[in-house]
Amino acid sequence: LNSASKAEILLIPGVGNRMLHEFEEYRPYDGLP
């Protein structure tokens, strides 16, 4: 979660640019919770 590239995240089925933004917005993650 803390280092995945945009290309890696966008390969997750159903993930588009909006959800990519949310994944990246909260970095760095200290854990899955």
PDB file of all heavy atoms in Angstrom:
ATOM      1  N   LEU A   1       0.807  -1.216   0.000  1.00  0.00           N
ATOM      2  CA  LEU A   1       0.000   0.000   0.000  1.00  0.00           C
ATOM      3  C   LEU A   1       0.841   1.268   0.000  1.00  0.00           C
ATOM      4  O   LEU A   1       0.414   2.301  -0.516  1.00  0.00           O
ATOM      5  CB  LEU A   1      -0.927   0.010   1.220  1.00  0.00           C
ATOM      6  CG  LEU A   1      -2.261  -0.711   1.066  1.00  0.00           C
ATOM      7  CD1 LEU A   1      -2.949  -0.832   2.414  1.00  0.00           C
ATOM      8  CD2 LEU A   1      -3.151   0.016   0.065  1.00  0.00           C
ATOM      9  N   ASN A   2       2.019   1.213   0.592  1.00  0.00           N
ATOM     10  CA  ASN A   2       2.831   2.418   0.727  1.00  0.00           C
ATOM     11  C   ASN A   2       3.751   2.691  -0.458  1.00  0.00           C
ATOM     12  O   ASN A   2       4.283   3.798  -0.574  1.00  0.00           O
ATOM     13  CB  ASN A   2       3.659   2.356   2.010  1.00  0.00           C
ATOM     14  CG  ASN A   2       2.801   2.530   3.245  1.00  0.00           C
ATOM     15  OD1 ASN A   2       1.838   3.291   3.230  1.00  0.00           O
ATOM     16  ND2 ASN A   2       3.118   1.814   4.305  1.00  0.00           N
ATOM     17  N   SER A   3       3.948   1.700  -1.313  1.00  0.00           N
ATOM     18  CA  SER A   3       4.892   1.910  -2.413  1.00  0.00           C
ATOM     19  C   SER A   3       4.367   1.473  -3.777  1.00  0.00           C
ATOM     20  O   SER A   3       5.052   1.677  -4.785  1.00  0.00           O
ATOM     21  CB  SER A   3       6.200   1.166  -2.122  1.00  0.00           C
ATOM     22  OG  SER A   3       5.982  -0.236  -2.069  1.00  0.00           O
ATOM     23  N   ALA A   4       3.191   0.887  -3.834  1.00  0.00           N
ATOM     24  CA  ALA A   4       2.654   0.408  -5.118  1.00  0.00           C
ATOM     25  C   ALA A   4       2.550   1.554  -6.114  1.00  0.00           C
ATOM     26  O   ALA A   4       2.149   2.676  -5.771  1.00  0.00           O
ATOM     27  CB  ALA A   4       1.290  -0.233  -4.911  1.00  0.00           C
ATOM     28  N   SER A   5       2.912   1.269  -7.345  1.00  0.00           N
ATOM     29  CA  SER A   5       2.804   2.276  -8.404  1.00  0.00           C
ATOM     30  C   SER A   5       1.349   2.443  -8.824  1.00  0.00           C
ATOM     31  O   SER A   5       0.483   1.599  -8.523  1.00  0.00           O
ATOM     32  CB  SER A   5       3.636   1.849  -9.610  1.00  0.00           C
ATOM     33  OG  SER A   5       3.065   0.688 -10.207  1.00  0.00           O
ATOM     34  N   LYS A   6       1.086   3.518  -9.532  1.00  0.00           N
ATOM     35  CA  LYS A   6      -0.257   3.732 -10.085  1.00  0.00           C
ATOM     36  C   LYS A   6      -0.644   2.555 -10.972  1.00  0.00           C
ATOM     37  O   LYS A   6      -1.788   2.086 -10.944  1.00  0.00           O
ATOM     38  CB  LYS A   6      -0.310   5.038 -10.865  1.00  0.00           C
ATOM     39  CG  LYS A   6      -0.289   6.292 -10.002  1.00  0.00           C
ATOM     40  CD  LYS A   6      -0.295   7.541 -10.861  1.00  0.00           C
ATOM     41  CE  LYS A   6      -0.532   8.799 -10.025  1.00  0.00           C
ATOM     42  NZ  LYS A   6       0.466   8.987  -8.960  1.00  0.00           N
ATOM     43  N   ALA A   7       0.292   2.084 -11.784  1.00  0.00           N
ATOM     44  CA  ALA A   7       0.005   0.977 -12.694  1.00  0.00           C
ATOM     45  C   ALA A   7      -0.392  -0.277 -11.935  1.00  0.00           C
ATOM     46  O   ALA A   7      -1.302  -1.003 -12.357  1.00  0.00           O
ATOM     47  CB  ALA A   7       1.221   0.697 -13.575  1.00  0.00           C
ATOM     48  N   GLU A   8       0.264  -0.537 -10.816  1.00  0.00           N
ATOM     49  CA  GLU A   8      -0.066  -1.726 -10.025  1.00  0.00           C
ATOM     50  C   GLU A   8      -1.461  -1.612  -9.424  1.00  0.00           C
ATOM     51  O   GLU A   8      -2.261  -2.554  -9.485  1.00  0.00           O
ATOM     52  CB  GLU A   8       0.979  -1.911  -8.917  1.00  0.00           C
ATOM     53  CG  GLU A   8       2.329  -2.374  -9.432  1.00  0.00           C
ATOM     54  CD  GLU A   8       3.365  -2.477  -8.335  1.00  0.00           C
ATOM     55  OE1 GLU A   8       3.403  -1.601  -7.446  1.00  0.00           O
ATOM     56  OE2 GLU A   8       4.156  -3.448  -8.362  1.00  0.00           O
ATOM     57  N   ILE A   9      -1.773  -0.470  -8.849  1.00  0.00           N
ATOM     58  CA  ILE A   9      -3.076  -0.288  -8.204  1.00  0.00           C
ATOM     59  C   ILE A   9      -4.209  -0.358  -9.223  1.00  0.00           C
ATOM     60  O   ILE A   9      -5.265  -0.948  -8.974  1.00  0.00           O
ATOM     61  CB  ILE A   9      -3.114   1.044  -7.432  1.00  0.00           C
ATOM     62  CG1 ILE A   9      -2.095   1.011  -6.279  1.00  0.00           C
ATOM     63  CG2 ILE A   9      -4.516   1.322  -6.881  1.00  0.00           C
ATOM     64  CD1 ILE A   9      -1.897   2.354  -5.594  1.00  0.00           C
ATOM     65  N   LEU A  10      -3.983   0.209 -10.401  1.00  0.00           N
ATOM     66  CA  LEU A  10      -5.030   0.229 -11.421  1.00  0.00           C
ATOM     67  C   LEU A  10      -5.292  -1.142 -12.031  1.00  0.00           C
ATOM     68  O   LEU A  10      -6.297  -1.328 -12.720  1.00  0.00           O
ATOM     69  CB  LEU A  10      -4.682   1.237 -12.513  1.00  0.00           C
ATOM     70  CG  LEU A  10      -4.822   2.704 -12.118  1.00  0.00           C
ATOM     71  CD1 LEU A  10      -4.233   3.610 -13.186  1.00  0.00           C
ATOM     72  CD2 LEU A  10      -6.285   3.068 -11.846  1.00  0.00           C
ATOM     73  N   LEU A  11      -4.421  -2.109 -11.781  1.00  0.00           N
ATOM     74  CA  LEU A  11      -4.683  -3.474 -12.235  1.00  0.00           C
ATOM     75  C   LEU A  11      -5.668  -4.207 -11.327  1.00  0.00           C
ATOM     76  O   LEU A  11      -6.208  -5.247 -11.706  1.00  0.00           O
ATOM     77  CB  LEU A  11      -3.375  -4.268 -12.321  1.00  0.00           C
ATOM     78  CG  LEU A  11      -2.485  -3.957 -13.525  1.00  0.00           C
ATOM     79  CD1 LEU A  11      -1.166  -4.709 -13.413  1.00  0.00           C
ATOM     80  CD2 LEU A  11      -3.185  -4.329 -14.835  1.00  0.00           C
ATOM     81  N   ILE A  12      -5.911  -3.683 -10.130  1.00  0.00           N
ATOM     82  CA  ILE A  12      -6.901  -4.296  -9.249  1.00  0.00           C
ATOM     83  C   ILE A  12      -8.273  -4.175  -9.913  1.00  0.00           C
ATOM     84  O   ILE A  12      -8.701  -3.066 -10.245  1.00  0.00           O
ATOM     85  CB  ILE A  12      -6.922  -3.615  -7.868  1.00  0.00           C
ATOM     86  CG1 ILE A  12      -5.568  -3.761  -7.175  1.00  0.00           C
ATOM     87  CG2 ILE A  12      -8.042  -4.181  -6.997  1.00  0.00           C
ATOM     88  CD1 ILE A  12      -5.447  -2.975  -5.881  1.00  0.00           C
ATOM     89  N   PRO A  13      -8.969  -5.290 -10.127  1.00  0.00           N
ATOM     90  CA  PRO A  13     -10.275  -5.213 -10.796  1.00  0.00           C
ATOM     91  C   PRO A  13     -11.219  -4.231 -10.103  1.00  0.00           C
ATOM     92  O   PRO A  13     -11.358  -4.257  -8.874  1.00  0.00           O
ATOM     93  CB  PRO A  13     -10.793  -6.655 -10.700  1.00  0.00           C
ATOM     94  CG  PRO A  13      -9.550  -7.482 -10.653  1.00  0.00           C
ATOM     95  CD  PRO A  13      -8.577  -6.682  -9.836  1.00  0.00           C
ATOM     96  N   GLY A  14     -11.831  -3.378 -10.895  1.00  0.00           N
ATOM     97  CA  GLY A  14     -12.806  -2.432 -10.365  1.00  0.00           C
ATOM     98  C   GLY A  14     -12.219  -1.141  -9.848  1.00  0.00           C
ATOM     99  O   GLY A  14     -12.969  -0.245  -9.439  1.00  0.00           O
ATOM    100  N   VAL A  15     -10.903  -1.019  -9.823  1.00  0.00           N
ATOM    101  CA  VAL A  15     -10.264   0.206  -9.330  1.00  0.00           C
ATOM    102  C   VAL A  15      -9.967   1.128 -10.504  1.00  0.00           C
ATOM    103  O   VAL A  15      -9.287   0.747 -11.457  1.00  0.00           O
ATOM    104  CB  VAL A  15      -8.972  -0.105  -8.557  1.00  0.00           C
ATOM    105  CG1 VAL A  15      -8.175   1.178  -8.286  1.00  0.00           C
ATOM    106  CG2 VAL A  15      -9.299  -0.797  -7.238  1.00  0.00           C
ATOM    107  N   GLY A  16     -10.496   2.338 -10.434  1.00  0.00           N
ATOM    108  CA  GLY A  16     -10.239   3.356 -11.445  1.00  0.00           C
ATOM    109  C   GLY A  16      -9.478   4.518 -10.847  1.00  0.00           C
ATOM    110  O   GLY A  16      -8.967   4.439  -9.720  1.00  0.00           O
ATOM    111  N   ASN A  17      -9.433   5.622 -11.552  1.00  0.00           N
ATOM    112  CA  ASN A  17      -8.637   6.759 -11.104  1.00  0.00           C
ATOM    113  C   ASN A  17      -9.132   7.360  -9.794  1.00  0.00           C
ATOM    114  O   ASN A  17      -8.333   7.831  -8.986  1.00  0.00           O
ATOM    115  CB  ASN A  17      -8.598   7.836 -12.192  1.00  0.00           C
ATOM    116  CG  ASN A  17      -7.714   7.433 -13.356  1.00  0.00           C
ATOM    117  OD1 ASN A  17      -6.677   6.814 -13.168  1.00  0.00           O
ATOM    118  ND2 ASN A  17      -8.128   7.776 -14.565  1.00  0.00           N
ATOM    119  N   ARG A  18     -10.453   7.332  -9.578  1.00  0.00           N
ATOM    120  CA  ARG A  18     -10.979   7.894  -8.330  1.00  0.00           C
ATOM    121  C   ARG A  18     -10.504   7.083  -7.131  1.00  0.00           C
ATOM    122  O   ARG A  18     -10.009   7.645  -6.144  1.00  0.00           O
ATOM    123  CB  ARG A  18     -12.512   7.929  -8.355  1.00  0.00           C
ATOM    124  CG  ARG A  18     -13.129   8.407  -7.039  1.00  0.00           C
ATOM    125  CD  ARG A  18     -14.644   8.428  -7.094  1.00  0.00           C
ATOM    126  NE  ARG A  18     -15.222   8.709  -5.787  1.00  0.00           N
ATOM    127  CZ  ARG A  18     -15.463   7.800  -4.861  1.00  0.00           C
ATOM    128  NH1 ARG A  18     -15.168   6.519  -5.102  1.00  0.00           N
ATOM    129  NH2 ARG A  18     -15.993   8.123  -3.698  1.00  0.00           N
ATOM    130  N   MET A  19     -10.626   5.749  -7.212  1.00  0.00           N
ATOM    131  CA  MET A  19     -10.200   4.931  -6.086  1.00  0.00           C
ATOM    132  C   MET A  19      -8.681   4.920  -5.953  1.00  0.00           C
ATOM    133  O   MET A  19      -8.144   4.852  -4.836  1.00  0.00           O
ATOM    134  CB  MET A  19     -10.739   3.504  -6.219  1.00  0.00           C
ATOM    135  CG  MET A  19     -10.502   2.635  -4.987  1.00  0.00           C
ATOM    136  SD  MET A  19     -11.135   3.352  -3.433  1.00  0.00           S
ATOM    137  CE  MET A  19     -12.901   3.281  -3.721  1.00  0.00           C
ATOM    138  N   LEU A  20      -7.976   5.011  -7.067  1.00  0.00           N
ATOM    139  CA  LEU A  20      -6.519   5.155  -7.016  1.00  0.00           C
ATOM    140  C   LEU A  20      -6.154   6.363  -6.165  1.00  0.00           C
ATOM    141  O   LEU A  20      -5.246   6.286  -5.312  1.00  0.00           O
ATOM    142  CB  LEU A  20      -5.963   5.328  -8.432  1.00  0.00           C
ATOM    143  CG  LEU A  20      -4.515   5.809  -8.548  1.00  0.00           C
ATOM    144  CD1 LEU A  20      -3.548   4.769  -7.997  1.00  0.00           C
ATOM    145  CD2 LEU A  20      -4.179   6.137 -10.006  1.00  0.00           C
ATOM    146  N   HIS A  21      -6.847   7.471  -6.369  1.00  0.00           N
ATOM    147  CA  HIS A  21      -6.595   8.675  -5.581  1.00  0.00           C
ATOM    148  C   HIS A  21      -6.796   8.411  -4.089  1.00  0.00           C
ATOM    149  O   HIS A  21      -5.985   8.847  -3.256  1.00  0.00           O
ATOM    150  CB  HIS A  21      -7.516   9.807  -6.040  1.00  0.00           C
ATOM    151  CG  HIS A  21      -7.478  11.010  -5.151  1.00  0.00           C
ATOM    152  ND1 HIS A  21      -6.434  11.912  -5.149  1.00  0.00           N
ATOM    153  CD2 HIS A  21      -8.355  11.452  -4.206  1.00  0.00           C
ATOM    154  CE1 HIS A  21      -6.660  12.851  -4.247  1.00  0.00           C
ATOM    155  NE2 HIS A  21      -7.823  12.596  -3.664  1.00  0.00           N
ATOM    156  N   GLU A  22      -7.848   7.684  -3.742  1.00  0.00           N
ATOM    157  CA  GLU A  22      -8.115   7.411  -2.329  1.00  0.00           C
ATOM    158  C   GLU A  22      -7.036   6.500  -1.732  1.00  0.00           C
ATOM    159  O   GLU A  22      -6.606   6.687  -0.595  1.00  0.00           O
ATOM    160  CB  GLU A  22      -9.495   6.774  -2.155  1.00  0.00           C
ATOM    161  CG  GLU A  22     -10.656   7.529  -2.783  1.00  0.00           C
ATOM    162  CD  GLU A  22     -10.757   8.990  -2.369  1.00  0.00           C
ATOM    163  OE1 GLU A  22     -10.138   9.377  -1.340  1.00  0.00           O
ATOM    164  OE2 GLU A  22     -11.428   9.755  -3.081  1.00  0.00           O
ATOM    165  N   PHE A  23      -6.596   5.505  -2.488  1.00  0.00           N
ATOM    166  CA  PHE A  23      -5.522   4.626  -2.017  1.00  0.00           C
ATOM    167  C   PHE A  23      -4.279   5.454  -1.668  1.00  0.00           C
ATOM    168  O   PHE A  23      -3.625   5.224  -0.647  1.00  0.00           O
ATOM    169  CB  PHE A  23      -5.144   3.608  -3.103  1.00  0.00           C
ATOM    170  CG  PHE A  23      -5.938   2.329  -3.087  1.00  0.00           C
ATOM    171  CD1 PHE A  23      -7.315   2.331  -3.048  1.00  0.00           C
ATOM    172  CD2 PHE A  23      -5.293   1.108  -3.131  1.00  0.00           C
ATOM    173  CE1 PHE A  23      -8.050   1.153  -3.061  1.00  0.00           C
ATOM    174  CE2 PHE A  23      -5.999  -0.084  -3.128  1.00  0.00           C
ATOM    175  CZ  PHE A  23      -7.376  -0.058  -3.093  1.00  0.00           C
ATOM    176  N   GLU A  24      -3.943   6.393  -2.552  1.00  0.00           N
ATOM    177  CA  GLU A  24      -2.703   7.159  -2.386  1.00  0.00           C
ATOM    178  C   GLU A  24      -2.840   8.278  -1.368  1.00  0.00           C
ATOM    179  O   GLU A  24      -1.851   8.658  -0.723  1.00  0.00           O
ATOM    180  CB  GLU A  24      -2.272   7.739  -3.733  1.00  0.00           C
ATOM    181  CG  GLU A  24      -1.879   6.683  -4.759  1.00  0.00           C
ATOM    182  CD  GLU A  24      -1.417   7.298  -6.067  1.00  0.00           C
ATOM    183  OE1 GLU A  24      -2.000   8.326  -6.488  1.00  0.00           O
ATOM    184  OE2 GLU A  24      -0.477   6.759  -6.654  1.00  0.00           O
ATOM    185  N   GLU A  25      -4.041   8.794  -1.209  1.00  0.00           N
ATOM    186  CA  GLU A  25      -4.242   9.975  -0.363  1.00  0.00           C
ATOM    187  C   GLU A  25      -3.829   9.741   1.088  1.00  0.00           C
ATOM    188  O   GLU A  25      -3.326  10.666   1.749  1.00  0.00           O
ATOM    189  CB  GLU A  25      -5.714  10.407  -0.414  1.00  0.00           C
ATOM    190  CG  GLU A  25      -6.005  11.652   0.413  1.00  0.00           C
ATOM    191  CD  GLU A  25      -7.448  12.100   0.327  1.00  0.00           C
ATOM    192  OE1 GLU A  25      -8.264  11.392  -0.301  1.00  0.00           O
ATOM    193  OE2 GLU A  25      -7.759  13.162   0.885  1.00  0.00           O
ATOM    194  N   TYR A  26      -4.028   8.530   1.578  1.00  0.00           N
ATOM    195  CA  TYR A  26      -3.828   8.278   3.009  1.00  0.00           C
ATOM    196  C   TYR A  26      -2.464   7.665   3.336  1.00  0.00           C
ATOM    197  O   TYR A  26      -2.233   7.218   4.453  1.00  0.00           O
ATOM    198  CB  TYR A  26      -4.963   7.396   3.534  1.00  0.00           C
ATOM    199  CG  TYR A  26      -6.311   8.056   3.374  1.00  0.00           C
ATOM    200  CD1 TYR A  26      -7.180   7.678   2.353  1.00  0.00           C
ATOM    201  CD2 TYR A  26      -6.696   9.104   4.198  1.00  0.00           C
ATOM    202  CE1 TYR A  26      -8.408   8.301   2.179  1.00  0.00           C
ATOM    203  CE2 TYR A  26      -7.919   9.737   4.038  1.00  0.00           C
ATOM    204  CZ  TYR A  26      -8.772   9.332   3.026  1.00  0.00           C
ATOM    205  OH  TYR A  26      -9.981   9.961   2.867  1.00  0.00           O
ATOM    206  N   ARG A  27      -1.560   7.651   2.387  1.00  0.00           N
ATOM    207  CA  ARG A  27      -0.201   7.190   2.654  1.00  0.00           C
ATOM    208  C   ARG A  27       0.510   8.180   3.579  1.00  0.00           C
ATOM    209  O   ARG A  27       0.259   9.380   3.512  1.00  0.00           O
ATOM    210  CB  ARG A  27       0.588   7.073   1.343  1.00  0.00           C
ATOM    211  CG  ARG A  27       0.194   5.898   0.486  1.00  0.00           C
ATOM    212  CD  ARG A  27       0.922   5.945  -0.849  1.00  0.00           C
ATOM    213  NE  ARG A  27       0.784   4.683  -1.572  1.00  0.00           N
ATOM    214  CZ  ARG A  27       1.193   4.501  -2.834  1.00  0.00           C
ATOM    215  NH1 ARG A  27       1.776   5.508  -3.489  1.00  0.00           N
ATOM    216  NH2 ARG A  27       1.035   3.335  -3.429  1.00  0.00           N
ATOM    217  N   PRO A  28       1.435   7.664   4.422  1.00  0.00           N
ATOM    218  CA  PRO A  28       1.793   6.251   4.591  1.00  0.00           C
ATOM    219  C   PRO A  28       0.813   5.543   5.523  1.00  0.00           C
ATOM    220  O   PRO A  28       0.341   6.115   6.506  1.00  0.00           O
ATOM    221  CB  PRO A  28       3.185   6.332   5.229  1.00  0.00           C
ATOM    222  CG  PRO A  28       3.148   7.605   6.017  1.00  0.00           C
ATOM    223  CD  PRO A  28       2.311   8.561   5.219  1.00  0.00           C
ATOM    224  N   TYR A  29       0.523   4.282   5.207  1.00  0.00           N
ATOM    225  CA  TYR A  29      -0.331   3.452   6.056  1.00  0.00           C
ATOM    226  C   TYR A  29       0.533   2.778   7.116  1.00  0.00           C
ATOM    227  O   TYR A  29       1.594   2.228   6.802  1.00  0.00           O
ATOM    228  CB  TYR A  29      -1.026   2.378   5.224  1.00  0.00           C
ATOM    229  CG  TYR A  29      -2.038   2.917   4.233  1.00  0.00           C
ATOM    230  CD1 TYR A  29      -1.668   3.199   2.921  1.00  0.00           C
ATOM    231  CD2 TYR A  29      -3.354   3.131   4.612  1.00  0.00           C
ATOM    232  CE1 TYR A  29      -2.597   3.688   2.008  1.00  0.00           C
ATOM    233  CE2 TYR A  29      -4.287   3.623   3.697  1.00  0.00           C
ATOM    234  CZ  TYR A  29      -3.896   3.903   2.405  1.00  0.00           C
ATOM    235  OH  TYR A  29      -4.821   4.388   1.505  1.00  0.00           O
ATOM    236  N   ASP A  30       0.061   2.797   8.359  1.00  0.00           N
ATOM    237  CA  ASP A  30       0.772   2.098   9.429  1.00  0.00           C
ATOM    238  C   ASP A  30       0.233   0.688   9.642  1.00  0.00           C
ATOM    239  O   ASP A  30       0.728  -0.055  10.485  1.00  0.00           O
ATOM    240  CB  ASP A  30       0.718   2.881  10.746  1.00  0.00           C
ATOM    241  CG  ASP A  30      -0.709   3.173  11.195  1.00  0.00           C
ATOM    242  OD1 ASP A  30      -1.665   2.684  10.543  1.00  0.00           O
ATOM    243  OD2 ASP A  30      -0.879   3.882  12.192  1.00  0.00           O
ATOM    244  N   GLY A  31      -0.765   0.319   8.874  1.00  0.00           N
ATOM    245  CA  GLY A  31      -1.344  -1.013   8.970  1.00  0.00           C
ATOM    246  C   GLY A  31      -2.641  -1.078   8.190  1.00  0.00           C
ATOM    247  O   GLY A  31      -3.195  -0.047   7.768  1.00  0.00           O
ATOM    248  N   LEU A  32      -3.143  -2.298   7.999  1.00  0.00           N
ATOM    249  CA  LEU A  32      -4.393  -2.461   7.257  1.00  0.00           C
ATOM    250  C   LEU A  32      -5.603  -1.842   7.955  1.00  0.00           C
ATOM    251  O   LEU A  32      -6.532  -1.397   7.266  1.00  0.00           O
ATOM    252  CB  LEU A  32      -4.651  -3.947   6.992  1.00  0.00           C
ATOM    253  CG  LEU A  32      -3.842  -4.550   5.841  1.00  0.00           C
ATOM    254  CD1 LEU A  32      -4.277  -5.984   5.606  1.00  0.00           C
ATOM    255  CD2 LEU A  32      -3.986  -3.755   4.560  1.00  0.00           C
ATOM    256  N   PRO A  33      -5.653  -1.810   9.287  1.00  0.00           N
ATOM    257  CA  PRO A  33      -6.812  -1.149   9.906  1.00  0.00           C
ATOM    258  C   PRO A  33      -6.993   0.296   9.439  1.00  0.00           C
ATOM    259  O   PRO A  33      -8.121   0.752   9.237  1.00  0.00           O
ATOM    260  CB  PRO A  33      -6.493  -1.238  11.404  1.00  0.00           C
ATOM    261  CG  PRO A  33      -5.685  -2.490  11.537  1.00  0.00           C
ATOM    262  CD  PRO A  33      -4.832  -2.516  10.304  1.00  0.00           C
TER     263      PRO A  33
END
